[in-house]
Protein backbone atom coordinates (compact mmCIF):
# COMPACT_ATOMS: atom_id res chain seq x y z
CA MET A 1 31.98 21.84 -45.63
CA ASN A 2 28.77 22.56 -47.48
CA ARG A 3 26.29 25.32 -46.80
CA ASN A 4 23.83 23.14 -44.83
CA ASP A 5 26.55 21.96 -42.45
CA LYS A 6 27.67 25.53 -41.83
CA GLU A 7 24.12 26.67 -41.14
CA PHE A 8 23.59 23.77 -38.75
CA ILE A 9 26.75 24.58 -36.79
CA VAL A 10 25.92 28.29 -36.69
CA GLN A 11 22.38 27.57 -35.49
CA LYS A 12 23.67 25.16 -32.84
CA ILE A 13 26.08 27.75 -31.46
CA ARG A 14 23.48 30.49 -31.68
CA THR A 15 20.96 28.56 -29.60
CA GLN A 16 23.46 28.38 -26.75
CA TYR A 17 23.42 32.18 -26.47
CA THR A 18 19.71 32.84 -26.81
CA GLU A 19 17.37 32.76 -23.86
CA LYS A 20 15.14 29.78 -23.63
CA GLU A 21 11.53 30.40 -22.87
CA ASN A 22 10.08 28.36 -20.07
CA THR A 23 7.32 26.19 -21.40
CA GLN A 24 4.76 24.16 -19.55
CA LEU A 25 6.62 21.01 -20.58
CA ASP A 26 9.75 22.33 -18.84
CA ALA A 27 7.67 23.04 -15.74
CA LEU A 28 6.28 19.48 -15.86
CA LYS A 29 9.79 18.02 -16.14
CA LYS A 30 10.98 20.12 -13.18
CA LEU A 31 8.01 19.05 -11.09
CA ASP A 32 8.62 15.39 -11.97
CA ALA A 33 12.28 15.76 -10.95
CA LYS A 34 11.17 17.46 -7.73
CA VAL A 35 9.11 14.36 -6.92
CA LYS A 36 11.77 11.75 -7.77
CA LYS A 37 15.05 13.36 -6.70
CA PRO A 38 14.64 13.22 -2.88
CA ALA A 39 13.59 9.56 -3.03
CA ASN A 40 16.55 8.69 -5.25
CA VAL A 41 19.03 10.55 -3.05
CA PHE A 42 17.67 8.80 0.03
CA ALA A 43 17.91 5.38 -1.62
CA TYR A 44 21.50 5.93 -2.76
CA VAL A 45 22.69 7.29 0.58
CA PHE A 46 20.86 4.69 2.69
CA GLY A 47 22.00 1.86 0.40
CA SER A 48 25.60 3.04 0.54
CA ILE A 49 25.51 3.22 4.32
CA ALA A 50 23.99 -0.27 4.45
CA ALA A 51 26.73 -1.63 2.18
CA ILE A 52 29.43 -0.03 4.33
CA ILE A 53 27.94 -1.51 7.51
CA MET A 54 27.60 -4.93 5.92
CA GLY A 55 31.18 -4.73 4.64
CA SER A 56 32.42 -3.73 8.08
CA GLY A 57 30.83 -6.83 9.57
CA MET A 58 32.36 -8.98 6.86
CA SER A 59 35.77 -7.44 7.52
CA LEU A 60 35.50 -8.27 11.21
CA VAL A 61 34.71 -11.89 10.35
CA MET A 62 37.23 -12.47 7.57
CA THR A 63 40.29 -10.46 8.64
CA ASP A 64 42.26 -9.75 11.78
CA ILE A 65 40.94 -6.18 12.08
CA GLY A 66 38.77 -7.27 15.01
CA GLU A 67 41.80 -8.33 17.00
CA THR A 68 43.46 -5.01 16.18
CA LEU A 69 40.37 -3.21 17.49
CA GLY A 70 40.48 -5.22 20.70
CA PHE A 71 37.87 -7.92 20.09
CA SER A 72 39.03 -11.26 21.40
CA GLU A 73 36.35 -13.07 19.33
CA PRO A 74 35.40 -10.83 16.37
CA MET A 75 33.23 -13.51 14.71
CA ILE A 76 29.99 -12.84 16.65
CA PRO A 77 30.08 -9.01 16.50
CA GLY A 78 31.06 -9.25 12.83
CA ILE A 79 28.12 -11.50 12.00
CA ILE A 80 25.71 -9.24 13.91
CA ILE A 81 27.02 -6.08 12.22
CA GLY A 82 26.92 -7.80 8.82
CA ILE A 83 23.32 -8.92 9.35
CA ILE A 84 22.30 -5.40 10.39
CA GLY A 85 23.82 -4.03 7.17
CA MET A 86 22.15 -6.76 5.14
CA LEU A 87 18.75 -6.00 6.68
CA MET A 88 19.24 -2.32 5.92
CA ALA A 89 20.04 -3.18 2.30
CA ILE A 90 16.98 -5.43 2.09
CA ILE A 91 14.57 -2.79 3.38
CA ASN A 92 16.09 -0.04 1.22
CA TYR A 93 13.92 -0.76 -1.84
CA PRO A 94 10.57 -1.01 0.00
CA VAL A 95 11.35 2.19 1.92
CA TYR A 96 12.30 3.91 -1.35
CA LYS A 97 9.03 2.81 -2.99
CA LYS A 98 6.96 4.11 -0.05
CA PHE A 99 8.88 7.39 0.00
CA LEU A 100 8.37 7.81 -3.75
CA ALA A 101 4.67 6.91 -3.47
CA SER A 102 4.13 9.51 -0.76
CA ARG A 103 5.86 12.18 -2.88
CA ARG A 104 3.79 11.19 -5.91
CA LYS A 105 0.62 11.42 -3.88
CA LYS A 106 1.63 14.86 -2.60
CA TYR A 107 2.28 16.30 -6.08
CA ALA A 108 -0.23 14.26 -8.12
CA LYS A 109 -2.83 17.01 -8.47
CA GLU A 110 -0.31 19.56 -9.73
CA ILE A 111 1.26 17.15 -12.20
CA ILE A 112 -2.08 15.93 -13.55
CA ALA A 113 -3.41 19.48 -13.92
CA LEU A 114 -0.27 20.61 -15.73
CA SER A 115 -0.17 17.54 -17.98
CA ASP A 116 -3.87 17.96 -18.84
CA ASN A 117 -3.20 21.57 -19.75
CA ILE A 118 -0.31 20.52 -22.00
CA MET A 119 -2.35 17.78 -23.66
CA LYS A 120 -5.22 20.20 -24.46
CA ASN A 121 -2.93 22.71 -26.19
């Protein structure tokens, strides 16, 4: 191992133990994450619930689970439940976009002011 490689490894390890100073760029990244994270979490959770509901309806239609649950004709409830899940999955993206747009509108002034300050320096 040559001298440059050793110095690189030492510097890499050393940076893990030194305190990082919080810069304005770090603050901008945190603020951007603060805007996007709730919308993303909502979209993932709502989409997962929609997929589970749609899958439940499909299971009622395609298997004998409905008869086990006590439905004499599981086809109609299964189709209805599947369509409800499908509609939830369809509206997930537009709801996500509106949620994200409202969060962007709420934090736009702070982000623009901070980014302008970074760009000037």
